[in-house]
C-alpha atoms as a PDB file:
ATOM      1  CA  MET A   1     -38.095  21.324 -78.872  1.00  0.00           C
ATOM      2  CA  ASN A   2     -39.960  18.270 -80.032  1.00  0.00           C
ATOM      3  CA  GLU A   3     -42.863  16.914 -78.043  1.00  0.00           C
ATOM      4  CA  PRO A   4     -42.684  18.046 -74.438  1.00  0.00           C
ATOM      5  CA  PHE A   5     -42.707  15.232 -71.882  1.00  0.00           C
ATOM      6  CA  ILE A   6     -45.516  15.945 -69.433  1.00  0.00           C
ATOM      7  CA  PRO A   7     -46.258  13.057 -67.081  1.00  0.00           C
ATOM      8  CA  ILE A   8     -49.567  12.834 -65.252  1.00  0.00           C
ATOM      9  CA  ILE A   9     -49.208  12.232 -61.508  1.00  0.00           C
ATOM     10  CA  LEU A  10     -52.135  10.280 -60.059  1.00  0.00           C
ATOM     11  CA  GLY A  11     -52.196  11.643 -56.531  1.00  0.00           C
ATOM     12  CA  THR A  12     -54.076   9.014 -54.536  1.00  0.00           C
ATOM     13  CA  ALA A  13     -53.580   5.357 -53.724  1.00  0.00           C
ATOM     14  CA  ARG A  14     -56.953   4.884 -52.034  1.00  0.00           C
ATOM     15  CA  PRO A  15     -58.774   1.670 -53.058  1.00  0.00           C
ATOM     16  CA  GLY A  16     -61.714   2.361 -55.382  1.00  0.00           C
ATOM     17  CA  ARG A  17     -60.275   5.731 -56.407  1.00  0.00           C
ATOM     18  CA  GLN A  18     -62.353   7.539 -59.032  1.00  0.00           C
ATOM     19  CA  SER A  19     -59.346   9.744 -59.805  1.00  0.00           C
ATOM     20  CA  GLN A  20     -57.686   6.893 -61.680  1.00  0.00           C
ATOM     21  CA  SER A  21     -60.326   7.010 -64.433  1.00  0.00           C
ATOM     22  CA  VAL A  22     -59.884  10.776 -64.655  1.00  0.00           C
ATOM     23  CA  ALA A  23     -56.069  10.489 -64.813  1.00  0.00           C
ATOM     24  CA  GLU A  24     -56.295   7.846 -67.563  1.00  0.00           C
ATOM     25  CA  ALA A  25     -58.658  10.080 -69.554  1.00  0.00           C
ATOM     26  CA  VAL A  26     -56.338  13.082 -69.120  1.00  0.00           C
ATOM     27  CA  LEU A  27     -53.448  10.889 -70.283  1.00  0.00           C
ATOM     28  CA  ASP A  28     -55.396   9.910 -73.419  1.00  0.00           C
ATOM     29  CA  VAL A  29     -56.288  13.531 -74.201  1.00  0.00           C
ATOM     30  CA  ALA A  30     -52.677  14.650 -73.669  1.00  0.00           C
ATOM     31  CA  LYS A  31     -51.382  11.924 -75.998  1.00  0.00           C
ATOM     32  CA  GLN A  32     -53.763  13.136 -78.730  1.00  0.00           C
ATOM     33  CA  ARG A  33     -51.919  16.457 -78.655  1.00  0.00           C
ATOM     34  CA  GLN A  34     -48.253  17.091 -79.446  1.00  0.00           C
ATOM     35  CA  VAL A  35     -47.268  15.821 -75.990  1.00  0.00           C
ATOM     36  CA  SER A  36     -45.371  12.805 -74.758  1.00  0.00           C
ATOM     37  CA  ALA A  37     -47.092  11.652 -71.576  1.00  0.00           C
ATOM     38  CA  ASP A  38     -46.892   8.869 -69.043  1.00  0.00           C
ATOM     39  CA  LEU A  39     -48.757   8.034 -65.840  1.00  0.00           C
ATOM     40  CA  ILE A  40     -46.971   8.271 -62.489  1.00  0.00           C
ATOM     41  CA  ASP A  41     -49.094   6.530 -59.866  1.00  0.00           C
ATOM     42  CA  VAL A  42     -48.401   7.363 -56.207  1.00  0.00           C
ATOM     43  CA  ALA A  43     -49.472   3.797 -55.413  1.00  0.00           C
ATOM     44  CA  ASP A  44     -46.241   2.622 -57.084  1.00  0.00           C
ATOM     45  CA  TYR A  45     -44.207   4.588 -54.542  1.00  0.00           C
ATOM     46  CA  PRO A  46     -45.614   3.704 -51.115  1.00  0.00           C
ATOM     47  CA  LEU A  47     -43.843   6.055 -48.724  1.00  0.00           C
ATOM     48  CA  THR A  48     -44.052   6.638 -45.022  1.00  0.00           C
ATOM     49  CA  ALA A  49     -43.475   9.919 -43.253  1.00  0.00           C
ATOM     50  CA  THR A  50     -40.103   8.675 -42.007  1.00  0.00           C
ATOM     51  CA  GLY A  51     -38.770   7.060 -45.185  1.00  0.00           C
ATOM     52  CA  ALA A  52     -39.519   4.731 -48.052  1.00  0.00           C
ATOM     53  CA  ALA A  53     -41.494   1.590 -47.400  1.00  0.00           C
ATOM     54  CA  SER A  54     -41.017  -1.389 -49.698  1.00  0.00           C
ATOM     55  CA  ALA A  55     -41.802   0.530 -52.859  1.00  0.00           C
ATOM     56  CA  ALA A  56     -42.888  -1.186 -56.059  1.00  0.00           C
ATOM     57  CA  LYS A  57     -40.706   1.318 -57.901  1.00  0.00           C
ATOM     58  CA  SER A  58     -37.696   3.092 -56.468  1.00  0.00           C
ATOM     59  CA  LEU A  59     -37.624   6.780 -55.759  1.00  0.00           C
ATOM     60  CA  ASP A  60     -34.651   6.938 -58.116  1.00  0.00           C
ATOM     61  CA  HIS A  61     -37.084   5.971 -60.888  1.00  0.00           C
ATOM     62  CA  TYR A  62     -39.421   8.790 -59.855  1.00  0.00           C
ATOM     63  CA  ARG A  63     -36.547  11.280 -59.725  1.00  0.00           C
ATOM     64  CA  GLU A  64     -35.461  10.238 -63.235  1.00  0.00           C
ATOM     65  CA  LEU A  65     -38.985  10.875 -64.550  1.00  0.00           C
ATOM     66  CA  VAL A  66     -39.062  14.264 -62.813  1.00  0.00           C
ATOM     67  CA  ALA A  67     -35.675  15.211 -64.267  1.00  0.00           C
ATOM     68  CA  ALA A  68     -36.800  14.254 -67.788  1.00  0.00           C
ATOM     69  CA  ALA A  69     -40.159  16.031 -67.537  1.00  0.00           C
ATOM     70  CA  ASP A  70     -40.883  19.380 -69.160  1.00  0.00           C
ATOM     71  CA  GLY A  71     -43.961  19.865 -67.008  1.00  0.00           C
ATOM     72  CA  PHE A  72     -46.529  17.948 -64.980  1.00  0.00           C
ATOM     73  CA  ILE A  73     -50.225  17.375 -64.580  1.00  0.00           C
ATOM     74  CA  ILE A  74     -51.401  16.381 -61.131  1.00  0.00           C
ATOM     75  CA  VAL A  75     -54.766  14.623 -60.897  1.00  0.00           C
ATOM     76  CA  ALA A  76     -55.880  14.364 -57.288  1.00  0.00           C
ATOM     77  CA  PRO A  77     -59.057  14.141 -55.265  1.00  0.00           C
ATOM     78  CA  GLU A  78     -60.057  16.512 -52.526  1.00  0.00           C
ATOM     79  CA  TYR A  79     -60.118  14.705 -49.180  1.00  0.00           C
ATOM     80  CA  ASN A  80     -61.454  16.755 -46.265  1.00  0.00           C
ATOM     81  CA  HIS A  81     -60.670  20.073 -48.022  1.00  0.00           C
ATOM     82  CA  GLY A  82     -57.094  19.007 -48.814  1.00  0.00           C
ATOM     83  CA  TYR A  83     -54.955  16.786 -51.009  1.00  0.00           C
ATOM     84  CA  PRO A  84     -53.908  13.193 -50.208  1.00  0.00           C
ATOM     85  CA  GLY A  85     -50.970  12.680 -47.859  1.00  0.00           C
ATOM     86  CA  GLU A  86     -49.301  10.172 -50.161  1.00  0.00           C
ATOM     87  CA  LEU A  87     -49.145  12.839 -52.877  1.00  0.00           C
ATOM     88  CA  LYS A  88     -47.390  15.230 -50.481  1.00  0.00           C
ATOM     89  CA  LEU A  89     -44.897  12.515 -49.507  1.00  0.00           C
ATOM     90  CA  LEU A  90     -44.112  11.768 -53.147  1.00  0.00           C
ATOM     91  CA  LEU A  91     -43.764  15.433 -54.100  1.00  0.00           C
ATOM     92  CA  ASP A  92     -41.506  16.042 -51.090  1.00  0.00           C
ATOM     93  CA  SER A  93     -39.209  13.172 -52.100  1.00  0.00           C
ATOM     94  CA  GLU A  94     -37.722  15.426 -54.794  1.00  0.00           C
ATOM     95  CA  PHE A  95     -36.926  19.112 -55.089  1.00  0.00           C
ATOM     96  CA  ALA A  96     -34.337  20.187 -57.653  1.00  0.00           C
ATOM     97  CA  GLY A  97     -35.984  18.408 -60.596  1.00  0.00           C
ATOM     98  CA  TYR A  98     -39.201  20.447 -60.350  1.00  0.00           C
ATOM     99  CA  SER A  99     -37.564  23.838 -60.706  1.00  0.00           C
ATOM    100  CA  ARG A 100     -39.011  26.085 -63.414  1.00  0.00           C
ATOM    101  CA  LYS A 101     -41.371  23.425 -64.752  1.00  0.00           C
ATOM    102  CA  PRO A 102     -45.066  24.149 -65.251  1.00  0.00           C
ATOM    103  CA  VAL A 103     -47.768  22.146 -63.531  1.00  0.00           C
ATOM    104  CA  GLY A 104     -51.456  21.849 -64.288  1.00  0.00           C
ATOM    105  CA  ILE A 105     -53.789  20.615 -61.578  1.00  0.00           C
ATOM    106  CA  VAL A 106     -56.955  18.578 -62.027  1.00  0.00           C
ATOM    107  CA  GLY A 107     -59.135  18.436 -58.916  1.00  0.00           C
ATOM    108  CA  VAL A 108     -61.560  15.550 -58.525  1.00  0.00           C
ATOM    109  CA  ALA A 109     -64.538  15.495 -56.182  1.00  0.00           C
ATOM    110  CA  SER A 110     -67.933  13.934 -55.803  1.00  0.00           C
ATOM    111  CA  GLY A 111     -69.349  17.350 -54.924  1.00  0.00           C
ATOM    112  CA  ARG A 112     -70.098  20.496 -56.884  1.00  0.00           C
ATOM    113  CA  ILE A 113     -66.837  22.427 -56.545  1.00  0.00           C
ATOM    114  CA  GLY A 114     -64.531  19.808 -58.039  1.00  0.00           C
ATOM    115  CA  GLY A 115     -61.641  19.948 -55.627  1.00  0.00           C
ATOM    116  CA  ALA A 116     -61.247  23.742 -55.658  1.00  0.00           C
ATOM    117  CA  ARG A 117     -59.895  23.882 -52.091  1.00  0.00           C
ATOM    118  CA  MET A 118     -57.402  21.109 -52.815  1.00  0.00           C
ATOM    119  CA  ILE A 119     -56.263  22.897 -55.980  1.00  0.00           C
ATOM    120  CA  GLU A 120     -55.630  26.124 -54.047  1.00  0.00           C
ATOM    121  CA  GLN A 121     -53.520  24.272 -51.471  1.00  0.00           C
ATOM    122  CA  LEU A 122     -51.613  22.318 -54.099  1.00  0.00           C
ATOM    123  CA  GLN A 123     -50.830  25.513 -56.029  1.00  0.00           C
ATOM    124  CA  GLN A 124     -49.096  26.825 -52.897  1.00  0.00           C
ATOM    125  CA  VAL A 125     -47.137  23.579 -52.460  1.00  0.00           C
ATOM    126  CA  THR A 126     -46.046  23.400 -56.097  1.00  0.00           C
ATOM    127  CA  THR A 127     -44.949  27.037 -55.976  1.00  0.00           C
ATOM    128  CA  ALA A 128     -42.804  26.237 -52.919  1.00  0.00           C
ATOM    129  CA  LEU A 129     -41.281  23.397 -54.974  1.00  0.00           C
ATOM    130  CA  ARG A 130     -40.409  26.042 -57.622  1.00  0.00           C
ATOM    131  CA  MET A 131     -42.923  24.710 -60.119  1.00  0.00           C
ATOM    132  CA  VAL A 132     -45.010  27.149 -62.136  1.00  0.00           C
ATOM    133  CA  PRO A 133     -48.745  26.463 -61.663  1.00  0.00           C
ATOM    134  CA  VAL A 134     -50.727  27.252 -64.812  1.00  0.00           C
ATOM    135  CA  LEU A 135     -54.281  28.445 -65.071  1.00  0.00           C
ATOM    136  CA  PRO A 136     -56.913  27.426 -65.672  1.00  0.00           C
ATOM    137  CA  SER A 137     -56.988  24.436 -63.424  1.00  0.00           C
ATOM    138  CA  VAL A 138     -59.570  21.733 -64.062  1.00  0.00           C
ATOM    139  CA  ASN A 139     -62.385  20.942 -61.645  1.00  0.00           C
ATOM    140  CA  VAL A 140     -64.044  17.549 -62.027  1.00  0.00           C
ATOM    141  CA  THR A 141     -67.378  17.802 -60.254  1.00  0.00           C
ATOM    142  CA  ASN A 142     -69.751  14.961 -59.394  1.00  0.00           C
ATOM    143  CA  VAL A 143     -67.139  12.414 -60.488  1.00  0.00           C
ATOM    144  CA  THR A 144     -69.341   9.457 -59.571  1.00  0.00           C
ATOM    145  CA  GLU A 145     -71.788  10.561 -62.254  1.00  0.00           C
ATOM    146  CA  ALA A 146     -69.056  11.158 -64.859  1.00  0.00           C
ATOM    147  CA  VAL A 147     -67.529   7.652 -64.584  1.00  0.00           C
ATOM    148  CA  ASN A 148     -69.502   4.938 -66.359  1.00  0.00           C
ATOM    149  CA  ALA A 149     -70.011   1.299 -65.336  1.00  0.00           C
ATOM    150  CA  GLN A 150     -66.841   0.315 -67.213  1.00  0.00           C
ATOM    151  CA  GLY A 151     -64.842   2.789 -65.119  1.00  0.00           C
ATOM    152  CA  GLU A 152     -64.290   5.249 -67.984  1.00  0.00           C
ATOM    153  CA  PHE A 153     -64.424   8.995 -67.383  1.00  0.00           C
ATOM    154  CA  ASP A 154     -66.542  11.089 -69.742  1.00  0.00           C
ATOM    155  CA  THR A 155     -64.257  13.996 -70.671  1.00  0.00           C
ATOM    156  CA  THR A 156     -67.139  15.876 -72.310  1.00  0.00           C
ATOM    157  CA  THR A 157     -68.258  16.812 -68.793  1.00  0.00           C
ATOM    158  CA  LEU A 158     -65.253  19.152 -68.650  1.00  0.00           C
ATOM    159  CA  GLY A 159     -66.226  21.365 -71.561  1.00  0.00           C
ATOM    160  CA  THR A 160     -63.095  23.173 -72.755  1.00  0.00           C
ATOM    161  CA  SER A 161     -61.342  23.431 -69.377  1.00  0.00           C
ATOM    162  CA  LEU A 162     -58.966  20.493 -69.976  1.00  0.00           C
ATOM    163  CA  ASP A 163     -58.035  21.718 -73.458  1.00  0.00           C
ATOM    164  CA  ASP A 164     -57.504  25.245 -72.117  1.00  0.00           C
ATOM    165  CA  MET A 165     -55.239  23.973 -69.334  1.00  0.00           C
ATOM    166  CA  LEU A 166     -53.269  21.737 -71.719  1.00  0.00           C
ATOM    167  CA  GLU A 167     -52.749  24.620 -74.138  1.00  0.00           C
ATOM    168  CA  GLU A 168     -51.284  26.791 -71.372  1.00  0.00           C
ATOM    169  CA  LEU A 169     -49.240  23.915 -69.975  1.00  0.00           C
ATOM    170  CA  GLU A 170     -47.738  23.060 -73.369  1.00  0.00           C
ATOM    171  CA  TRP A 171     -46.858  26.700 -74.029  1.00  0.00           C
ATOM    172  CA  TYR A 172     -45.122  27.059 -70.666  1.00  0.00           C
ATOM    173  CA  ALA A 173     -43.388  23.686 -71.075  1.00  0.00           C
ATOM    174  CA  ARG A 174     -41.899  24.751 -74.404  1.00  0.00           C
ATOM    175  CA  GLN A 175     -40.886  28.230 -73.201  1.00  0.00           C
ATOM    176  CA  LEU A 176     -39.401  27.154 -69.897  1.00  0.00           C
ATOM    177  CA  SER A 177     -37.594  24.194 -71.465  1.00  0.00           C
ATOM    178  CA  ALA A 178     -35.823  26.587 -73.811  1.00  0.00           C
ATOM    179  CA  VAL A 179     -34.851  28.836 -70.893  1.00  0.00           C
ATOM    180  CA  ARG A 180     -33.636  25.893 -68.773  1.00  0.00           C
ATOM    181  CA  SER A 181     -31.458  24.758 -71.690  1.00  0.00           C
END
């Protein structure tokens, strides 16, 4: 297997989202490794609970990315102890393409626990979608202090947690890709 394709799913469409800076930084770090990565932004797929709204990109496009992926990274904020509804709608728009693919989760919060409750919930959801959540997850704490005036996220605030998660994710992506083949 050459470079695994591991897209980063930005899990919120909220205006002023700090998670976007984090997702872009994770994308940059992933690209510095032996990984092919792209950003999937939930804002490009505005869904309603009863069906697709006028989406900027079609769900067919999302399903194609999911089918081509060897794994995923989800970057999402914790809102009221949970994950954003638009992320759940996007994840639920597909099923078969997730099967036996690893997923790493990056929780983002302005508080001290970095989205830990959201990560726990999302691990349950991704398991139900037949994904394989990898550990460690990444907790971005005090995000407002880690994003500078230019909107760039300082990855040094993570220590080794992002590298540790990416190492596990890449290993699982390579192993499970071989098994799926």
